[in-house]
Amino acid sequence: MEYYYHCPKELWLEWGGRRNHFAEHHWVPTDEEGIIFLVCSFRHKNDRWIWEALPTVEPFPHPEDPAGHIGGKHAARLKRYGVYATHRTVEAAELAAKIHPLMRWGGV
């Protein structure tokens, strides 16, 4: 399963590099310095729970949630991709995929 987040790039480097908690991960920059839009899957369920408990990690609504609008804060950071607060996670991912195709949600 793929999940979407905003997080500091430095945190991603630590988790995806030295610690290797992600099974797969891709990202694009946002309009906020040092923050990235990340899509990832985890090696273990526990890794996801620990990741989401970190104070600087901001989860997006589940990609299959039909009412899961991303909201203003996430949209403001993704403005360069044409994302609006009324977009769902899947729609934001599709817009980011124009720059990085692996940002596209692959489903379950």
Protein backbone atom coordinates (compact mmCIF):
# COMPACT_ATOMS: atom_id res chain seq x y z
CA MET A 1 0.00 0.00 0.00
CA GLU A 2 1.23 3.47 -0.86
CA TYR A 3 0.82 6.42 1.49
CA TYR A 4 1.34 10.14 0.93
CA TYR A 5 2.93 12.67 3.26
CA HIS A 6 4.49 16.05 3.64
CA CYS A 7 7.68 15.82 5.66
CA PRO A 8 11.09 17.46 6.00
CA LYS A 9 13.55 16.26 3.40
CA GLU A 10 16.15 15.68 6.13
CA LEU A 11 13.82 13.27 7.93
CA TRP A 12 13.18 11.39 4.69
CA LEU A 13 16.93 11.10 4.13
CA GLU A 14 17.43 9.59 7.56
CA TRP A 15 14.51 7.17 7.34
CA GLY A 16 15.00 6.12 3.74
CA GLY A 17 18.76 6.04 3.82
CA ARG A 18 20.53 4.94 6.96
CA ARG A 19 17.49 3.34 8.57
CA ASN A 20 15.94 1.92 5.37
CA HIS A 21 12.38 1.77 6.74
CA PHE A 22 10.73 2.31 3.38
CA ALA A 23 10.09 -0.51 0.93
CA GLU A 24 9.75 2.08 -1.84
CA HIS A 25 9.72 5.88 -1.81
CA HIS A 26 9.59 8.80 -4.23
CA TRP A 27 9.15 12.52 -3.74
CA VAL A 28 8.84 15.92 -5.37
CA PRO A 29 9.69 19.31 -3.85
CA THR A 30 6.98 21.57 -2.46
CA ASP A 31 6.64 25.34 -2.31
CA GLU A 32 7.87 25.29 1.30
CA GLU A 33 11.63 25.18 1.73
CA GLY A 34 12.85 21.85 3.10
CA ILE A 35 9.45 20.09 2.86
CA ILE A 36 8.77 17.33 0.32
CA PHE A 37 5.67 15.56 -1.00
CA LEU A 38 6.42 11.90 -0.41
CA VAL A 39 4.80 8.69 -1.62
CA CYS A 40 6.03 5.55 0.08
CA SER A 41 5.32 2.03 1.17
CA PHE A 42 6.76 0.51 4.30
CA ARG A 43 8.73 -2.64 4.95
CA HIS A 44 6.70 -3.35 8.10
CA LYS A 45 3.41 -2.08 9.58
CA ASN A 46 5.24 -0.94 12.66
CA ASP A 47 7.46 1.34 10.55
CA ARG A 48 4.36 3.14 9.29
CA TRP A 49 2.98 3.63 12.80
CA ILE A 50 6.29 5.01 14.05
CA TRP A 51 6.63 7.26 10.98
CA GLU A 52 3.14 8.73 11.34
CA ALA A 53 3.72 9.42 15.04
CA LEU A 54 6.66 11.72 14.27
CA PRO A 55 5.65 15.36 14.88
CA THR A 56 6.92 16.70 11.52
CA VAL A 57 5.22 14.04 9.38
CA GLU A 58 1.88 15.16 7.91
CA PRO A 59 -0.21 12.32 6.43
CA PHE A 60 -2.55 12.94 3.55
CA PRO A 61 -6.04 11.37 3.55
CA HIS A 62 -6.11 7.76 2.36
CA PRO A 63 -6.04 7.73 -1.48
CA GLU A 64 -9.27 5.71 -1.66
CA ASP A 65 -11.24 8.07 0.58
CA PRO A 66 -13.82 9.73 -1.71
CA ALA A 67 -14.29 12.60 0.76
CA GLY A 68 -10.59 12.90 1.61
CA HIS A 69 -9.87 16.45 0.44
CA ILE A 70 -6.30 17.47 1.18
CA GLY A 71 -7.12 20.91 2.61
CA GLY A 72 -5.54 24.31 2.38
CA LYS A 73 -2.16 23.73 4.03
CA HIS A 74 -1.23 20.79 1.79
CA ALA A 75 -2.62 22.52 -1.29
CA ALA A 76 -0.63 25.70 -0.62
CA ARG A 77 2.58 23.67 -0.59
CA LEU A 78 1.65 21.95 -3.87
CA LYS A 79 0.50 25.07 -5.69
CA ARG A 80 3.24 24.71 -8.33
CA TYR A 81 1.55 21.48 -9.50
CA GLY A 82 -1.91 23.03 -9.79
CA VAL A 83 -3.27 21.40 -6.62
CA TYR A 84 -6.27 22.92 -4.80
CA ALA A 85 -7.68 22.30 -1.32
CA THR A 86 -10.66 20.48 -2.85
CA HIS A 87 -8.46 17.91 -4.55
CA ARG A 88 -8.24 14.45 -3.09
CA THR A 89 -4.92 12.73 -2.47
CA VAL A 90 -5.21 10.75 -5.72
CA GLU A 91 -5.73 13.95 -7.71
CA ALA A 92 -2.76 15.68 -6.04
CA ALA A 93 -0.63 12.62 -6.80
CA GLU A 94 -1.68 12.65 -10.46
CA LEU A 95 -0.72 16.30 -10.79
CA ALA A 96 2.67 15.68 -9.16
CA ALA A 97 3.12 12.66 -11.47
CA LYS A 98 3.40 15.05 -14.40
CA ILE A 99 6.85 15.86 -12.99
CA HIS A 100 7.68 12.48 -11.42
CA PRO A 101 5.59 9.57 -12.85
CA LEU A 102 6.25 7.35 -9.83
CA MET A 103 4.22 9.73 -7.64
CA ARG A 104 1.10 8.26 -9.25
CA TRP A 105 -0.98 6.11 -6.92
CA GLY A 106 -0.77 2.46 -7.94
CA GLY A 107 -3.78 1.25 -5.97
CA VAL A 108 -3.92 -1.57 -3.48
